[in-house]
Amino acid sequence: MTDPTPAPKRPVRPRRLALVAVAVLAGAILGYAGVYGIGGLMRNAGGDPACRPAVALASRIAPLAKGEVAAVTMATKPLRLPDLAFADAAGEPKKLSDWRGRTVLVNLWATWCVPCRKEMPALDGLQAKLGSQDFEVVAVNIDTRDLDKPSAFYREAGLNRLAFFSDSKAKVFQDLKAIGRALGMPTTVLVDGDGCEIASLAGPAEWASEDAVRLISAALAK
């Protein structure tokens, strides 16, 4: 006669669980190192110490992230951005590090992105109001097709304060996505003169509004 009571399952040994956990952790570490390299892994494990002043600045100006810029997220951990590479209107190569010593509002946009197109005049307005030797709006177009379309949009929209930058391979988006700063379009990151994140925003904002101007002006204050 067969006993209908199922045999008790053998408990998973603690040692086996520990080995599985170690394997998962090792895989995560190798994956991260594959994206950032071993040097990047070491630098970002606890954040880049050189970027701590940017976090302190973010904390000071956080109360100004309200109204039209209420969705802006302030940096809470030291983060140095990758040295994003793109081209200027003449096709000459540019890098984010070219703006060292200046605060930069990096914005990624595309003509196929409706919120991006609506936001561009506001970015142009912000550049008109605050653009200087200390600050610039760096809007990088990531269209990968119809490469004449973005410059035509500039003319049609009357964008005459924003310099034109582009990356037809959209690698800048992937570089920001790799550090969790590009979840969709448009995406914007406020960067200090050392290339460190002050704040970021996933989605559009009225960048020429009084709220935005106060926030950026506070970030520029010495």
Protein backbone atom coordinates (compact mmCIF):
# COMPACT_ATOMS: atom_id res chain seq x y z
CA MET A 1 0.00 0.00 0.00
CA THR A 2 1.34 3.41 -0.99
CA ASP A 3 1.57 6.07 1.69
CA PRO A 4 -0.48 9.11 0.39
CA THR A 5 1.44 11.50 2.62
CA PRO A 6 4.10 13.30 0.50
CA ALA A 7 7.62 13.05 1.73
CA PRO A 8 8.84 16.24 3.39
CA LYS A 9 10.97 18.47 1.20
CA ARG A 10 14.62 18.62 2.05
CA PRO A 11 15.51 22.02 3.44
CA VAL A 12 17.83 24.13 1.32
CA ARG A 13 21.18 24.13 2.99
CA PRO A 14 22.38 27.52 4.22
CA ARG A 15 25.69 26.96 2.45
CA ARG A 16 23.92 26.51 -0.89
CA LEU A 17 21.95 29.71 -0.35
CA ALA A 18 25.14 31.56 0.44
CA LEU A 19 26.80 30.28 -2.73
CA VAL A 20 23.83 31.41 -4.83
CA ALA A 21 23.89 34.87 -3.25
CA VAL A 22 27.62 35.20 -3.90
CA ALA A 23 27.15 34.17 -7.54
CA VAL A 24 24.38 36.76 -8.06
CA LEU A 25 26.46 39.50 -6.44
CA ALA A 26 29.50 38.59 -8.54
CA GLY A 27 27.39 38.74 -11.70
CA ALA A 28 26.07 42.19 -10.79
CA ILE A 29 29.59 43.45 -10.11
CA LEU A 30 30.91 42.11 -13.41
CA GLY A 31 27.97 43.65 -15.28
CA TYR A 32 28.58 47.06 -13.72
CA ALA A 33 32.30 46.82 -14.42
CA GLY A 34 31.52 45.95 -18.02
CA VAL A 35 29.60 49.23 -18.41
CA TYR A 36 31.80 51.56 -16.39
CA GLY A 37 35.11 49.74 -16.16
CA ILE A 38 36.87 48.79 -12.95
CA GLY A 39 37.89 52.40 -12.34
CA GLY A 40 34.29 53.52 -12.65
CA LEU A 41 33.20 50.77 -10.28
CA MET A 42 35.62 51.98 -7.62
CA ARG A 43 34.76 55.67 -8.09
CA ASN A 44 31.00 55.21 -8.00
CA ALA A 45 30.81 52.65 -5.21
CA GLY A 46 30.38 55.46 -2.68
CA GLY A 47 29.98 58.31 -5.13
CA ASP A 48 32.71 60.57 -6.46
CA PRO A 49 34.08 62.53 -3.46
CA ALA A 50 34.85 65.48 -5.75
CA CYS A 51 31.11 65.80 -6.39
CA ARG A 52 30.10 66.27 -2.77
CA PRO A 53 29.94 70.08 -3.14
CA ALA A 54 27.33 69.59 -5.89
CA VAL A 55 25.20 67.55 -3.47
CA ALA A 56 25.56 70.25 -0.81
CA LEU A 57 24.51 72.87 -3.37
CA ALA A 58 21.52 70.72 -4.37
CA SER A 59 20.46 70.54 -0.74
CA ARG A 60 20.66 74.34 -0.35
CA ILE A 61 18.59 75.15 -3.43
CA ALA A 62 16.10 72.29 -3.02
CA PRO A 63 13.38 74.58 -1.53
CA LEU A 64 13.31 76.43 -4.88
CA ALA A 65 12.28 73.31 -6.79
CA LYS A 66 8.61 74.22 -6.84
CA GLY A 67 5.91 75.52 -9.14
CA GLU A 68 6.96 75.03 -12.76
CA VAL A 69 10.06 73.08 -11.70
CA ALA A 70 8.54 71.08 -8.85
CA ALA A 71 9.36 67.82 -10.64
CA VAL A 72 13.10 68.51 -10.63
CA THR A 73 14.96 65.93 -8.54
CA MET A 74 17.91 67.17 -6.51
CA ALA A 75 21.09 65.12 -6.31
CA THR A 76 21.46 63.27 -3.02
CA LYS A 77 24.60 61.27 -3.87
CA PRO A 78 27.82 62.48 -5.49
CA LEU A 79 27.65 61.66 -9.20
CA ARG A 80 30.03 62.68 -11.97
CA LEU A 81 28.46 62.50 -15.41
CA PRO A 82 30.15 60.65 -18.27
CA ASP A 83 32.07 62.93 -20.62
CA LEU A 84 29.20 63.08 -23.11
CA ALA A 85 30.32 63.41 -26.74
CA PHE A 86 28.34 65.11 -29.52
CA ALA A 87 28.84 67.62 -32.35
CA ASP A 88 28.19 71.30 -32.85
CA ALA A 89 26.33 72.92 -35.77
CA ALA A 90 29.46 72.75 -37.93
CA GLY A 91 29.90 69.04 -37.20
CA GLU A 92 32.91 69.64 -34.97
CA PRO A 93 33.25 67.24 -32.02
CA LYS A 94 32.35 68.54 -28.58
CA LYS A 95 32.43 66.99 -25.12
CA LEU A 96 30.77 67.90 -21.86
CA SER A 97 34.23 68.54 -20.42
CA ASP A 98 34.53 71.49 -22.83
CA TRP A 99 32.24 73.32 -20.38
CA ARG A 100 34.39 72.73 -17.30
CA GLY A 101 34.18 75.72 -15.00
CA ARG A 102 30.64 76.56 -16.15
CA THR A 103 27.25 75.37 -14.92
CA VAL A 104 25.40 73.61 -17.72
CA LEU A 105 21.80 72.53 -18.23
CA VAL A 106 22.17 69.48 -20.47
CA ASN A 107 18.97 68.64 -22.33
CA LEU A 108 18.36 65.73 -24.72
CA TRP A 109 15.61 66.26 -27.28
CA ALA A 110 14.32 64.94 -30.62
CA THR A 111 11.91 66.19 -33.26
CA TRP A 112 9.79 63.02 -32.92
CA CYS A 113 9.26 63.84 -29.22
CA VAL A 114 6.22 66.14 -28.89
CA PRO A 115 7.01 67.31 -25.31
CA CYS A 116 10.56 68.05 -26.45
CA ARG A 117 9.41 70.31 -29.26
CA LYS A 118 7.05 72.17 -26.91
CA GLU A 119 9.84 72.62 -24.37
CA MET A 120 12.50 73.98 -26.73
CA PRO A 121 11.24 77.61 -26.81
CA ALA A 122 11.40 77.66 -22.99
CA LEU A 123 15.00 76.42 -23.09
CA ASP A 124 15.76 79.10 -25.65
CA GLY A 125 14.18 81.65 -23.30
CA LEU A 126 16.23 80.43 -20.34
CA GLN A 127 19.41 80.80 -22.40
CA ALA A 128 18.33 84.33 -23.31
CA LYS A 129 17.79 85.23 -19.65
CA LEU A 130 20.75 83.54 -17.97
CA GLY A 131 23.21 82.57 -20.69
CA SER A 132 26.68 83.86 -19.78
CA GLN A 133 30.29 82.87 -19.21
CA ASP A 134 28.99 81.06 -16.11
CA PHE A 135 26.00 79.23 -17.57
CA GLU A 136 24.76 77.68 -20.79
CA VAL A 137 21.86 75.53 -21.92
CA VAL A 138 23.34 72.68 -23.96
CA ALA A 139 20.46 71.05 -25.85
CA VAL A 140 21.61 67.97 -27.74
CA ASN A 141 19.40 66.61 -30.51
CA ILE A 142 19.36 62.80 -30.84
CA ASP A 143 17.44 62.34 -34.11
CA THR A 144 18.95 59.37 -35.96
CA ARG A 145 17.06 59.93 -39.25
CA ASP A 146 16.25 62.96 -41.41
CA LEU A 147 19.23 64.81 -39.98
CA ASP A 148 18.21 68.08 -41.63
CA LYS A 149 14.93 68.09 -39.71
CA PRO A 150 16.30 69.30 -36.33
CA SER A 151 18.04 72.35 -37.81
CA ALA A 152 14.90 73.12 -39.81
CA PHE A 153 12.92 72.97 -36.56
CA TYR A 154 15.30 75.52 -35.03
CA ARG A 155 14.51 77.94 -37.85
CA GLU A 156 10.75 77.31 -37.78
CA ALA A 157 10.56 77.72 -33.98
CA GLY A 158 12.73 80.84 -34.01
CA LEU A 159 15.32 79.38 -31.65
CA ASN A 160 18.09 81.92 -31.93
CA ARG A 161 19.70 81.81 -28.48
CA LEU A 162 20.34 78.08 -28.19
CA ALA A 163 23.46 76.76 -29.88
CA PHE A 164 22.74 73.66 -31.98
CA PHE A 165 24.28 70.37 -30.89
CA SER A 166 23.51 66.84 -32.07
CA ASP A 167 24.37 63.18 -31.70
CA SER A 168 22.96 61.23 -34.64
CA LYS A 169 23.86 57.93 -32.94
CA ALA A 170 22.01 58.88 -29.73
CA LYS A 171 24.92 57.58 -27.66
CA VAL A 172 24.50 60.47 -25.22
CA PHE A 173 21.10 59.03 -24.31
CA GLN A 174 22.58 55.59 -23.69
CA ASP A 175 25.39 57.08 -21.61
CA LEU A 176 22.93 58.89 -19.36
CA LYS A 177 20.62 55.89 -19.27
CA ALA A 178 23.52 53.77 -17.99
CA ILE A 179 23.71 55.96 -14.87
CA GLY A 180 19.94 56.18 -14.44
CA ARG A 181 19.55 59.72 -15.77
CA ALA A 182 17.72 59.08 -19.04
CA LEU A 183 14.39 57.36 -18.48
CA GLY A 184 12.56 58.96 -21.39
CA MET A 185 12.40 62.10 -23.47
CA PRO A 186 13.05 64.88 -22.87
CA THR A 187 15.66 64.40 -20.18
CA THR A 188 17.58 67.18 -18.47
CA VAL A 189 20.51 67.31 -16.06
CA LEU A 190 21.88 70.37 -14.28
CA VAL A 191 25.66 69.97 -14.08
CA ASP A 192 28.19 72.02 -12.15
CA GLY A 193 31.58 73.23 -13.38
CA ASP A 194 33.26 70.00 -12.30
CA GLY A 195 30.91 67.82 -14.32
CA CYS A 196 28.89 66.76 -11.28
CA GLU A 197 25.12 66.39 -11.10
CA ILE A 198 23.20 69.06 -9.20
CA ALA A 199 19.71 68.03 -10.29
CA SER A 200 17.84 66.15 -12.99
CA LEU A 201 14.42 65.98 -14.58
CA ALA A 202 12.65 63.28 -16.56
CA GLY A 203 10.12 65.14 -18.69
CA PRO A 204 9.52 68.74 -19.79
CA ALA A 205 9.45 71.94 -17.76
CA GLU A 206 8.78 75.63 -18.30
CA TRP A 207 12.46 76.53 -18.16
CA ALA A 208 11.91 80.21 -18.94
CA SER A 209 9.49 80.62 -16.00
CA GLU A 210 10.27 82.65 -12.89
CA ASP A 211 10.45 79.43 -10.88
CA ALA A 212 13.09 77.97 -13.18
CA VAL A 213 15.10 81.19 -13.36
CA ARG A 214 15.18 81.43 -9.55
CA LEU A 215 16.33 77.81 -9.26
CA ILE A 216 19.11 78.15 -11.84
CA SER A 217 20.17 81.55 -10.51
CA ALA A 218 20.55 80.04 -7.03
CA ALA A 219 22.71 77.28 -8.49
CA LEU A 220 24.93 79.96 -10.05
CA ALA A 221 25.27 82.04 -6.90
CA LYS A 222 28.78 81.97 -5.47
